[in-house]
Every structure is written in structure tokens, then in C-alpha cells.
Amino acid sequence: MMRIANPLRPLLPGLFKNGRKGCGAFAAFQSEMNALLKQLEAKGTPADDDTDIGSQLLRAMKQSGGAISRERVLSEIGMLFVEGFETTGHTTSWTLFNIATVPGVQEQ
């Protein structure tokens, strides 16, 4: 799985005190994404009407003839999890902020 690293890490190693902890968390996350992809692969080639994102990525990987690597698909699955989590968190935070700051909304 490809990892996007902070470009400042090699320049300022003193700012990143818990490197081992982060590496351990990343390894656990990578392991879970790998298990997810293995589950999809164990099911075989997805049916044409199977439109979930995992099936779409697996189908694209198989149809690419090796142009899309397994590592790339793992990376994409991981990014989708992270992006979905952040988007949901930001949307919820913004909604709660607006409810709290607009008079009358809480009473509704």
C-alpha cells in the first residue's frame, strides 16, 4: 500500500515524537485493508450489477491487465475510508456549529 508521508518528517524529525506509534497504527490499518481486499478476491470476479466501490476497484484491477496493481487498489481503499471519515466528521461538526449559533434552530 502506498503511503503519503509528511514531507517535513525527514527535515524536522524532532517534531514527530511518536513515530513508532504512527507506524504501528498504519501497519494495523494496512492489514485491515489487505483483509478487505482478500475477502473481495475470494468471492471471485464481481457480477456486472455489483456496483459497490470495492467491487468496482477489483473489477478495474482485473480488467487492467496488470496496469492497476494490487498495492494501488489497497491504497485507494484506504483513501476512501479516510476521506469518508473526515468528510462525515467535518459535515457533522459544521452542522452542529450552525445549529448552536443560529437562534431558534435548536427549538425546532
C-alpha atoms as a PDB file:
ATOM      1  CA  MET A   1       0.000   0.000   0.000  1.00  0.00           C
ATOM      2  CA  MET A   2       1.395   3.367  -0.954  1.00  0.00           C
ATOM      3  CA  ARG A   3       1.812   5.766   1.920  1.00  0.00           C
ATOM      4  CA  ILE A   4       1.566   9.502   1.724  1.00  0.00           C
ATOM      5  CA  ALA A   5       4.215  10.844   4.073  1.00  0.00           C
ATOM      6  CA  ASN A   6       4.621  14.266   5.578  1.00  0.00           C
ATOM      7  CA  PRO A   7       7.421  15.902   3.541  1.00  0.00           C
ATOM      8  CA  LEU A   8       8.715  17.688   6.655  1.00  0.00           C
ATOM      9  CA  ARG A   9       9.361  14.458   8.575  1.00  0.00           C
ATOM     10  CA  PRO A  10      12.953  13.964   7.287  1.00  0.00           C
ATOM     11  CA  LEU A  11      13.751  17.664   7.740  1.00  0.00           C
ATOM     12  CA  LEU A  12      12.336  18.077  11.254  1.00  0.00           C
ATOM     13  CA  PRO A  13      12.450  14.689  12.989  1.00  0.00           C
ATOM     14  CA  GLY A  14      12.192  16.265  16.455  1.00  0.00           C
ATOM     15  CA  LEU A  15       8.622  17.424  15.739  1.00  0.00           C
ATOM     16  CA  PHE A  16       7.393  13.881  15.206  1.00  0.00           C
ATOM     17  CA  LYS A  17       7.862  12.253  18.603  1.00  0.00           C
ATOM     18  CA  ASN A  18       5.547   9.247  18.269  1.00  0.00           C
ATOM     19  CA  GLY A  19       6.804   7.785  15.007  1.00  0.00           C
ATOM     20  CA  ARG A  20       6.621   4.184  16.190  1.00  0.00           C
ATOM     21  CA  LYS A  21       3.046   4.607  17.349  1.00  0.00           C
ATOM     22  CA  GLY A  22       2.028   6.058  13.994  1.00  0.00           C
ATOM     23  CA  CYS A  23       3.853   3.322  12.098  1.00  0.00           C
ATOM     24  CA  GLY A  24       2.100   0.692  14.205  1.00  0.00           C
ATOM     25  CA  ALA A  25      -1.288   2.265  13.543  1.00  0.00           C
ATOM     26  CA  PHE A  26      -0.544   2.442   9.832  1.00  0.00           C
ATOM     27  CA  ALA A  27       0.502  -1.234   9.782  1.00  0.00           C
ATOM     28  CA  ALA A  28      -2.745  -2.237  11.524  1.00  0.00           C
ATOM     29  CA  PHE A  29      -4.780  -0.122   9.077  1.00  0.00           C
ATOM     30  CA  GLN A  30      -2.890  -1.618   6.138  1.00  0.00           C
ATOM     31  CA  SER A  31      -3.562  -5.123   7.469  1.00  0.00           C
ATOM     32  CA  GLU A  32      -7.306  -4.419   7.658  1.00  0.00           C
ATOM     33  CA  MET A  33      -7.390  -3.023   4.119  1.00  0.00           C
ATOM     34  CA  ASN A  34      -5.488  -6.099   2.903  1.00  0.00           C
ATOM     35  CA  ALA A  35      -8.015  -8.387   4.637  1.00  0.00           C
ATOM     36  CA  LEU A  36     -10.860  -6.478   2.986  1.00  0.00           C
ATOM     37  CA  LEU A  37      -9.333  -6.883  -0.467  1.00  0.00           C
ATOM     38  CA  LYS A  38      -8.696 -10.601   0.183  1.00  0.00           C
ATOM     39  CA  GLN A  39     -12.389 -11.035   1.048  1.00  0.00           C
ATOM     40  CA  LEU A  40     -13.367  -9.390  -2.220  1.00  0.00           C
ATOM     41  CA  GLU A  41     -10.895 -11.512  -4.183  1.00  0.00           C
ATOM     42  CA  ALA A  42     -12.164 -14.712  -2.509  1.00  0.00           C
ATOM     43  CA  LYS A  43     -15.632 -14.010  -3.924  1.00  0.00           C
ATOM     44  CA  GLY A  44     -14.200 -14.042  -7.454  1.00  0.00           C
ATOM     45  CA  THR A  45     -14.879 -11.573 -10.240  1.00  0.00           C
ATOM     46  CA  PRO A  46     -17.795  -9.341  -9.219  1.00  0.00           C
ATOM     47  CA  ALA A  47     -21.027  -9.533 -11.180  1.00  0.00           C
ATOM     48  CA  ASP A  48     -21.723  -6.692 -13.622  1.00  0.00           C
ATOM     49  CA  ASP A  49     -24.620  -5.478 -11.476  1.00  0.00           C
ATOM     50  CA  ASP A  50     -22.444  -5.382  -8.315  1.00  0.00           C
ATOM     51  CA  THR A  51     -21.761  -1.669  -8.070  1.00  0.00           C
ATOM     52  CA  ASP A  52     -20.221  -1.252  -4.606  1.00  0.00           C
ATOM     53  CA  ILE A  53     -16.884   0.562  -4.617  1.00  0.00           C
ATOM     54  CA  GLY A  54     -14.831  -2.477  -3.607  1.00  0.00           C
ATOM     55  CA  SER A  55     -16.242  -4.493  -6.499  1.00  0.00           C
ATOM     56  CA  GLN A  56     -15.630  -1.623  -8.899  1.00  0.00           C
ATOM     57  CA  LEU A  57     -11.977  -1.358  -7.819  1.00  0.00           C
ATOM     58  CA  LEU A  58     -11.464  -5.131  -8.026  1.00  0.00           C
ATOM     59  CA  ARG A  59     -13.098  -5.245 -11.470  1.00  0.00           C
ATOM     60  CA  ALA A  60     -10.889  -2.387 -12.689  1.00  0.00           C
ATOM     61  CA  MET A  61      -7.775  -4.124 -11.342  1.00  0.00           C
ATOM     62  CA  LYS A  62      -8.634  -7.398 -13.096  1.00  0.00           C
ATOM     63  CA  GLN A  63      -9.596  -5.722 -16.375  1.00  0.00           C
ATOM     64  CA  SER A  64      -6.471  -3.561 -16.471  1.00  0.00           C
ATOM     65  CA  GLY A  65      -4.227  -6.496 -17.304  1.00  0.00           C
ATOM     66  CA  GLY A  66      -1.773  -5.583 -14.572  1.00  0.00           C
ATOM     67  CA  ALA A  67      -1.760  -1.821 -15.213  1.00  0.00           C
ATOM     68  CA  ILE A  68      -3.514  -1.289 -11.866  1.00  0.00           C
ATOM     69  CA  SER A  69      -1.562  -3.079  -9.157  1.00  0.00           C
ATOM     70  CA  ARG A  70      -2.935  -4.697  -6.034  1.00  0.00           C
ATOM     71  CA  GLU A  71      -0.978  -2.136  -3.993  1.00  0.00           C
ATOM     72  CA  ARG A  72      -2.709   0.685  -5.857  1.00  0.00           C
ATOM     73  CA  VAL A  73      -6.129  -0.794  -5.132  1.00  0.00           C
ATOM     74  CA  LEU A  74      -5.172  -1.176  -1.451  1.00  0.00           C
ATOM     75  CA  SER A  75      -4.124   2.455  -1.405  1.00  0.00           C
ATOM     76  CA  GLU A  76      -7.410   3.570  -2.972  1.00  0.00           C
ATOM     77  CA  ILE A  77      -9.478   1.536  -0.498  1.00  0.00           C
ATOM     78  CA  GLY A  78      -7.545   3.119   2.375  1.00  0.00           C
ATOM     79  CA  MET A  79      -8.019   6.626   0.980  1.00  0.00           C
ATOM     80  CA  LEU A  80     -11.753   6.074   0.592  1.00  0.00           C
ATOM     81  CA  PHE A  81     -12.017   5.066   4.258  1.00  0.00           C
ATOM     82  CA  VAL A  82     -10.043   8.091   5.434  1.00  0.00           C
ATOM     83  CA  GLU A  83     -11.810  10.543   3.140  1.00  0.00           C
ATOM     84  CA  GLY A  84     -15.247   9.244   4.128  1.00  0.00           C
ATOM     85  CA  PHE A  85     -14.413   9.545   7.812  1.00  0.00           C
ATOM     86  CA  GLU A  86     -13.105  13.111   7.506  1.00  0.00           C
ATOM     87  CA  THR A  87     -15.982  14.260   5.310  1.00  0.00           C
ATOM     88  CA  THR A  88     -18.565  12.873   7.718  1.00  0.00           C
ATOM     89  CA  GLY A  89     -16.769  14.394  10.699  1.00  0.00           C
ATOM     90  CA  HIS A  90     -16.480  17.820   9.111  1.00  0.00           C
ATOM     91  CA  THR A  91     -20.098  17.802   7.939  1.00  0.00           C
ATOM     92  CA  THR A  92     -21.345  16.817  11.390  1.00  0.00           C
ATOM     93  CA  SER A  93     -19.182  19.451  13.096  1.00  0.00           C
ATOM     94  CA  TRP A  94     -20.329  22.196  10.726  1.00  0.00           C
ATOM     95  CA  THR A  95     -23.969  21.217  11.143  1.00  0.00           C
ATOM     96  CA  LEU A  96     -23.751  21.220  14.945  1.00  0.00           C
ATOM     97  CA  PHE A  97     -21.907  24.552  14.901  1.00  0.00           C
ATOM     98  CA  ASN A  98     -24.645  26.128  12.766  1.00  0.00           C
ATOM     99  CA  ILE A  99     -27.422  24.689  14.925  1.00  0.00           C
ATOM    100  CA  ALA A 100     -25.722  26.061  18.033  1.00  0.00           C
ATOM    101  CA  THR A 101     -25.107  29.546  16.626  1.00  0.00           C
ATOM    102  CA  VAL A 102     -28.379  30.253  14.816  1.00  0.00           C
ATOM    103  CA  PRO A 103     -31.081  31.453  17.224  1.00  0.00           C
ATOM    104  CA  GLY A 104     -34.294  29.462  17.102  1.00  0.00           C
ATOM    105  CA  VAL A 105     -32.920  26.422  15.305  1.00  0.00           C
ATOM    106  CA  GLN A 106     -32.422  24.388  18.482  1.00  0.00           C
ATOM    107  CA  GLU A 107     -36.054  24.946  19.474  1.00  0.00           C
ATOM    108  CA  GLN A 108     -37.262  23.496  16.163  1.00  0.00           C
END
